Amino acid sequence: MKSEKAINKDLILRERLALQRTVLANQSTFLAFLRTAMYFLIAGLSLQNLLKIENSLSIEIALFAVSFVIFILGIANYFKHKKSILENKKHIGDYQLEYYE
């Protein structure tokens, strides 16, 4: 039979590992936003060379704008979730306090 201290250490370890996975998932999501923004940027840069369209400048500007918006949303999303992760980090090991108060 495991003692209660060993069980608590196992729970704390699981919580810390879950937190690390969450941090890595947040970073991966930011990189996906960055990759998508770069795709739109490259599409805007190469549009004039690949296709002969009359209003290619307006389409390029639209693609640049979409790229910029996606990049800003990615940064905002990253920092919002990073703040949330840091706020929840302080609760590791204190899972019993919520139930006994």
N, C-alpha and C. Protein backbone atom coordinates (compact mmCIF):
# COMPACT_ATOMS: atom_id res chain seq x y z
N MET A 1 0.82 -1.18 0.00
CA MET A 1 0.00 0.00 0.00
C MET A 1 0.87 1.25 0.00
N LYS A 2 0.51 2.20 -0.83
CA LYS A 2 1.28 3.44 -0.87
C LYS A 2 0.83 4.34 0.26
N SER A 3 1.80 5.06 0.78
CA SER A 3 1.43 6.02 1.81
C SER A 3 0.81 7.25 1.15
N GLU A 4 0.19 8.08 1.96
CA GLU A 4 -0.47 9.27 1.42
C GLU A 4 0.54 10.25 0.85
N LYS A 5 1.76 10.33 1.43
CA LYS A 5 2.78 11.23 0.89
C LYS A 5 3.20 10.80 -0.50
N ALA A 6 3.34 9.49 -0.72
CA ALA A 6 3.72 9.00 -2.04
C ALA A 6 2.63 9.30 -3.06
N ILE A 7 1.39 9.16 -2.67
CA ILE A 7 0.28 9.46 -3.58
C ILE A 7 0.29 10.95 -3.92
N ASN A 8 0.51 11.80 -2.92
CA ASN A 8 0.55 13.24 -3.17
C ASN A 8 1.68 13.60 -4.11
N LYS A 9 2.85 12.95 -3.94
CA LYS A 9 3.98 13.23 -4.83
C LYS A 9 3.65 12.79 -6.26
N ASP A 10 2.97 11.65 -6.40
CA ASP A 10 2.58 11.19 -7.74
C ASP A 10 1.62 12.18 -8.40
N LEU A 11 0.66 12.69 -7.62
CA LEU A 11 -0.29 13.66 -8.18
C LEU A 11 0.40 14.95 -8.56
N ILE A 12 1.33 15.40 -7.72
CA ILE A 12 2.04 16.64 -8.03
C ILE A 12 2.88 16.45 -9.29
N LEU A 13 3.55 15.29 -9.41
CA LEU A 13 4.34 15.02 -10.60
C LEU A 13 3.45 15.00 -11.85
N ARG A 14 2.31 14.36 -11.77
CA ARG A 14 1.39 14.33 -12.92
C ARG A 14 0.93 15.74 -13.28
N GLU A 15 0.64 16.54 -12.26
CA GLU A 15 0.20 17.91 -12.53
C GLU A 15 1.31 18.72 -13.19
N ARG A 16 2.53 18.55 -12.74
CA ARG A 16 3.66 19.28 -13.34
C ARG A 16 3.89 18.84 -14.79
N LEU A 17 3.80 17.54 -15.04
CA LEU A 17 3.97 17.05 -16.40
C LEU A 17 2.85 17.54 -17.31
N ALA A 18 1.64 17.57 -16.79
CA ALA A 18 0.51 18.08 -17.57
C ALA A 18 0.72 19.56 -17.89
N LEU A 19 1.26 20.30 -16.94
CA LEU A 19 1.54 21.71 -17.16
C LEU A 19 2.61 21.90 -18.23
N GLN A 20 3.64 21.06 -18.22
CA GLN A 20 4.67 21.14 -19.25
C GLN A 20 4.10 20.81 -20.63
N ARG A 21 3.22 19.83 -20.70
CA ARG A 21 2.58 19.51 -21.98
C ARG A 21 1.74 20.69 -22.47
N THR A 22 1.08 21.35 -21.54
CA THR A 22 0.26 22.50 -21.91
C THR A 22 1.12 23.64 -22.44
N VAL A 23 2.27 23.87 -21.81
CA VAL A 23 3.19 24.91 -22.28
C VAL A 23 3.68 24.58 -23.68
N LEU A 24 4.05 23.33 -23.91
CA LEU A 24 4.51 22.92 -25.23
C LEU A 24 3.40 23.03 -26.28
N ALA A 25 2.18 22.71 -25.90
CA ALA A 25 1.05 22.85 -26.82
C ALA A 25 0.82 24.32 -27.17
N ASN A 26 0.98 25.19 -26.20
CA ASN A 26 0.82 26.63 -26.44
C ASN A 26 1.90 27.12 -27.42
N GLN A 27 3.13 26.67 -27.24
CA GLN A 27 4.20 27.05 -28.15
C GLN A 27 3.96 26.51 -29.55
N SER A 28 3.48 25.29 -29.63
CA SER A 28 3.19 24.68 -30.93
C SER A 28 2.08 25.44 -31.65
N THR A 29 1.08 25.87 -30.90
CA THR A 29 -0.02 26.64 -31.49
C THR A 29 0.49 27.98 -32.02
N PHE A 30 1.38 28.63 -31.26
CA PHE A 30 1.95 29.89 -31.73
C PHE A 30 2.72 29.68 -33.02
N LEU A 31 3.50 28.61 -33.08
CA LEU A 31 4.26 28.33 -34.30
C LEU A 31 3.34 28.05 -35.49
N ALA A 32 2.19 27.44 -35.24
CA ALA A 32 1.22 27.21 -36.31
C ALA A 32 0.65 28.54 -36.82
N PHE A 33 0.36 29.46 -35.91
CA PHE A 33 -0.09 30.80 -36.32
C PHE A 33 1.00 31.48 -37.15
N LEU A 34 2.24 31.38 -36.69
CA LEU A 34 3.36 32.01 -37.39
C LEU A 34 3.52 31.41 -38.79
N ARG A 35 3.43 30.10 -38.89
CA ARG A 35 3.57 29.43 -40.19
C ARG A 35 2.46 29.88 -41.14
N THR A 36 1.23 29.97 -40.65
CA THR A 36 0.11 30.39 -41.49
C THR A 36 0.29 31.83 -41.94
N ALA A 37 0.74 32.69 -41.04
CA ALA A 37 0.98 34.09 -41.41
C ALA A 37 2.07 34.18 -42.47
N MET A 38 3.09 33.35 -42.36
CA MET A 38 4.16 33.37 -43.36
C MET A 38 3.66 32.86 -44.71
N TYR A 39 2.76 31.88 -44.71
CA TYR A 39 2.17 31.41 -45.97
C TYR A 39 1.45 32.54 -46.69
N PHE A 40 0.65 33.31 -45.95
CA PHE A 40 -0.07 34.42 -46.57
C PHE A 40 0.91 35.50 -47.04
N LEU A 41 1.98 35.74 -46.28
CA LEU A 41 2.98 36.73 -46.67
C LEU A 41 3.68 36.30 -47.96
N ILE A 42 4.06 35.05 -48.03
CA ILE A 42 4.73 34.55 -49.24
C ILE A 42 3.77 34.56 -50.43
N ALA A 43 2.51 34.24 -50.18
CA ALA A 43 1.52 34.31 -51.27
C ALA A 43 1.41 35.73 -51.79
N GLY A 44 1.41 36.70 -50.88
CA GLY A 44 1.34 38.09 -51.30
C GLY A 44 2.58 38.54 -52.07
N LEU A 45 3.74 38.05 -51.65
CA LEU A 45 4.98 38.44 -52.32
C LEU A 45 5.11 37.82 -53.71
N SER A 46 4.61 36.61 -53.86
CA SER A 46 4.81 35.90 -55.13
C SER A 46 3.64 36.02 -56.09
N LEU A 47 2.56 36.65 -55.70
CA LEU A 47 1.37 36.72 -56.54
C LEU A 47 1.64 37.43 -57.86
N GLN A 48 2.33 38.55 -57.82
CA GLN A 48 2.58 39.33 -59.03
C GLN A 48 3.49 38.58 -60.00
N ASN A 49 4.42 37.81 -59.48
CA ASN A 49 5.34 37.09 -60.35
C ASN A 49 4.70 35.86 -60.98
N LEU A 50 3.75 35.24 -60.30
CA LEU A 50 3.15 34.01 -60.81
C LEU A 50 1.96 34.25 -61.73
N LEU A 51 1.14 35.20 -61.37
CA LEU A 51 -0.10 35.42 -62.12
C LEU A 51 -0.12 36.84 -62.68
N LYS A 52 -0.68 36.98 -63.84
CA LYS A 52 -0.86 38.31 -64.44
C LYS A 52 -2.32 38.72 -64.22
N ILE A 53 -2.56 39.38 -63.10
CA ILE A 53 -3.91 39.82 -62.75
C ILE A 53 -3.91 41.34 -62.74
N GLU A 54 -5.00 41.95 -63.18
CA GLU A 54 -5.07 43.41 -63.26
C GLU A 54 -4.94 44.06 -61.89
N ASN A 55 -5.68 43.58 -60.91
CA ASN A 55 -5.68 44.19 -59.58
C ASN A 55 -4.79 43.42 -58.61
N SER A 56 -3.63 43.01 -59.07
CA SER A 56 -2.77 42.18 -58.21
C SER A 56 -2.27 42.96 -57.00
N LEU A 57 -2.10 44.27 -57.13
CA LEU A 57 -1.62 45.06 -55.99
C LEU A 57 -2.63 45.05 -54.85
N SER A 58 -3.90 45.18 -55.15
CA SER A 58 -4.92 45.16 -54.09
C SER A 58 -5.02 43.78 -53.44
N ILE A 59 -4.85 42.73 -54.24
CA ILE A 59 -4.87 41.38 -53.68
C ILE A 59 -3.64 41.16 -52.80
N GLU A 60 -2.49 41.65 -53.25
CA GLU A 60 -1.27 41.54 -52.44
C GLU A 60 -1.43 42.26 -51.11
N ILE A 61 -1.98 43.45 -51.14
CA ILE A 61 -2.19 44.21 -49.91
C ILE A 61 -3.15 43.47 -48.98
N ALA A 62 -4.18 42.88 -49.56
CA ALA A 62 -5.13 42.10 -48.75
C ALA A 62 -4.43 40.90 -48.11
N LEU A 63 -3.59 40.21 -48.87
CA LEU A 63 -2.85 39.06 -48.31
C LEU A 63 -1.87 39.50 -47.23
N PHE A 64 -1.22 40.65 -47.43
CA PHE A 64 -0.32 41.17 -46.39
C PHE A 64 -1.10 41.51 -45.12
N ALA A 65 -2.28 42.10 -45.30
CA ALA A 65 -3.11 42.45 -44.15
C ALA A 65 -3.56 41.21 -43.40
N VAL A 66 -3.99 40.19 -44.14
CA VAL A 66 -4.41 38.94 -43.50
C VAL A 66 -3.24 38.32 -42.76
N SER A 67 -2.06 38.35 -43.36
CA SER A 67 -0.86 37.81 -42.72
C SER A 67 -0.57 38.55 -41.41
N PHE A 68 -0.66 39.87 -41.45
CA PHE A 68 -0.40 40.67 -40.25
C PHE A 68 -1.43 40.38 -39.16
N VAL A 69 -2.70 40.29 -39.53
CA VAL A 69 -3.76 40.01 -38.56
C VAL A 69 -3.57 38.64 -37.92
N ILE A 70 -3.24 37.64 -38.73
CA ILE A 70 -3.01 36.29 -38.18
C ILE A 70 -1.83 36.30 -37.23
N PHE A 71 -0.77 37.02 -37.60
CA PHE A 71 0.41 37.11 -36.73
C PHE A 71 0.08 37.77 -35.40
N ILE A 72 -0.66 38.86 -35.43
CA ILE A 72 -1.05 39.57 -34.20
C ILE A 72 -1.98 38.69 -33.35
N LEU A 73 -2.93 38.00 -33.99
CA LEU A 73 -3.80 37.09 -33.25
C LEU A 73 -3.01 35.96 -32.60
N GLY A 74 -2.00 35.46 -33.30
CA GLY A 74 -1.16 34.41 -32.74
C GLY A 74 -0.40 34.87 -31.52
N ILE A 75 0.15 36.08 -31.59
CA ILE A 75 0.87 36.64 -30.43
C ILE A 75 -0.09 36.85 -29.26
N ALA A 76 -1.26 37.42 -29.54
CA ALA A 76 -2.24 37.66 -28.47
C ALA A 76 -2.69 36.34 -27.84
N ASN A 77 -2.95 35.34 -28.68
CA ASN A 77 -3.37 34.03 -28.19
C ASN A 77 -2.28 33.41 -27.32
N TYR A 78 -1.03 33.50 -27.76
CA TYR A 78 0.08 32.93 -27.01
C TYR A 78 0.19 33.54 -25.61
N PHE A 79 0.18 34.86 -25.55
CA PHE A 79 0.35 35.51 -24.25
C PHE A 79 -0.87 35.35 -23.35
N LYS A 80 -2.07 35.28 -23.95
CA LYS A 80 -3.27 35.03 -23.14
C LYS A 80 -3.19 33.66 -22.47
N HIS A 81 -2.83 32.65 -23.24
CA HIS A 81 -2.74 31.31 -22.68
C HIS A 81 -1.54 31.16 -21.74
N LYS A 82 -0.46 31.87 -22.04
CA LYS A 82 0.72 31.82 -21.15
C LYS A 82 0.35 32.38 -19.78
N LYS A 83 -0.40 33.47 -19.77
CA LYS A 83 -0.84 34.06 -18.50
C LYS A 83 -1.73 33.09 -17.75
N SER A 84 -2.65 32.44 -18.46
CA SER A 84 -3.55 31.48 -17.84
C SER A 84 -2.77 30.29 -17.27
N ILE A 85 -1.78 29.82 -17.99
CA ILE A 85 -0.96 28.71 -17.51
C ILE A 85 -0.21 29.09 -16.25
N LEU A 86 0.37 30.28 -16.23
CA LEU A 86 1.11 30.73 -15.05
C LEU A 86 0.19 30.91 -13.84
N GLU A 87 -1.05 31.36 -14.08
CA GLU A 87 -2.00 31.49 -12.97
C GLU A 87 -2.37 30.14 -12.39
N ASN A 88 -2.48 29.13 -13.24
CA ASN A 88 -2.85 27.80 -12.77
C ASN A 88 -1.68 27.04 -12.18
N LYS A 89 -0.47 27.47 -12.46
CA LYS A 89 0.72 26.80 -11.95
C LYS A 89 0.79 26.87 -10.43
N LYS A 90 0.28 27.94 -9.86
CA LYS A 90 0.35 28.09 -8.40
C LYS A 90 -0.55 27.10 -7.66
N HIS A 91 -1.46 26.44 -8.36
CA HIS A 91 -2.38 25.50 -7.72
C HIS A 91 -1.83 24.07 -7.65
N ILE A 92 -0.65 23.85 -8.20
CA ILE A 92 -0.09 22.49 -8.18
C ILE A 92 0.17 22.07 -6.75
N GLY A 93 -0.35 20.94 -6.38
CA GLY A 93 -0.16 20.42 -5.04
C GLY A 93 -1.19 20.90 -4.03
N ASP A 94 -1.99 21.87 -4.40
CA ASP A 94 -3.00 22.42 -3.49
C ASP A 94 -4.40 21.96 -3.89
N TYR A 95 -4.48 20.80 -4.52
CA TYR A 95 -5.77 20.34 -5.02
C TYR A 95 -6.76 20.08 -3.90
N GLN A 96 -6.28 19.78 -2.69
CA GLN A 96 -7.19 19.47 -1.59
C GLN A 96 -7.82 20.74 -0.99
N LEU A 97 -7.14 21.86 -1.14
CA LEU A 97 -7.63 23.09 -0.52
C LEU A 97 -8.99 23.49 -1.06
N GLU A 98 -9.22 23.26 -2.34
CA GLU A 98 -10.50 23.64 -2.95
C GLU A 98 -11.66 22.85 -2.35
N TYR A 99 -11.43 21.63 -1.96
CA TYR A 99 -12.51 20.77 -1.48
C TYR A 99 -12.77 20.89 0.01
N TYR A 100 -11.75 21.30 0.76
CA TYR A 100 -11.90 21.32 2.21
C TYR A 100 -12.24 22.71 2.75
N GLU A 101 -12.24 23.72 1.90
CA GLU A 101 -12.56 25.07 2.40
C GLU A 101 -14.04 25.31 2.44
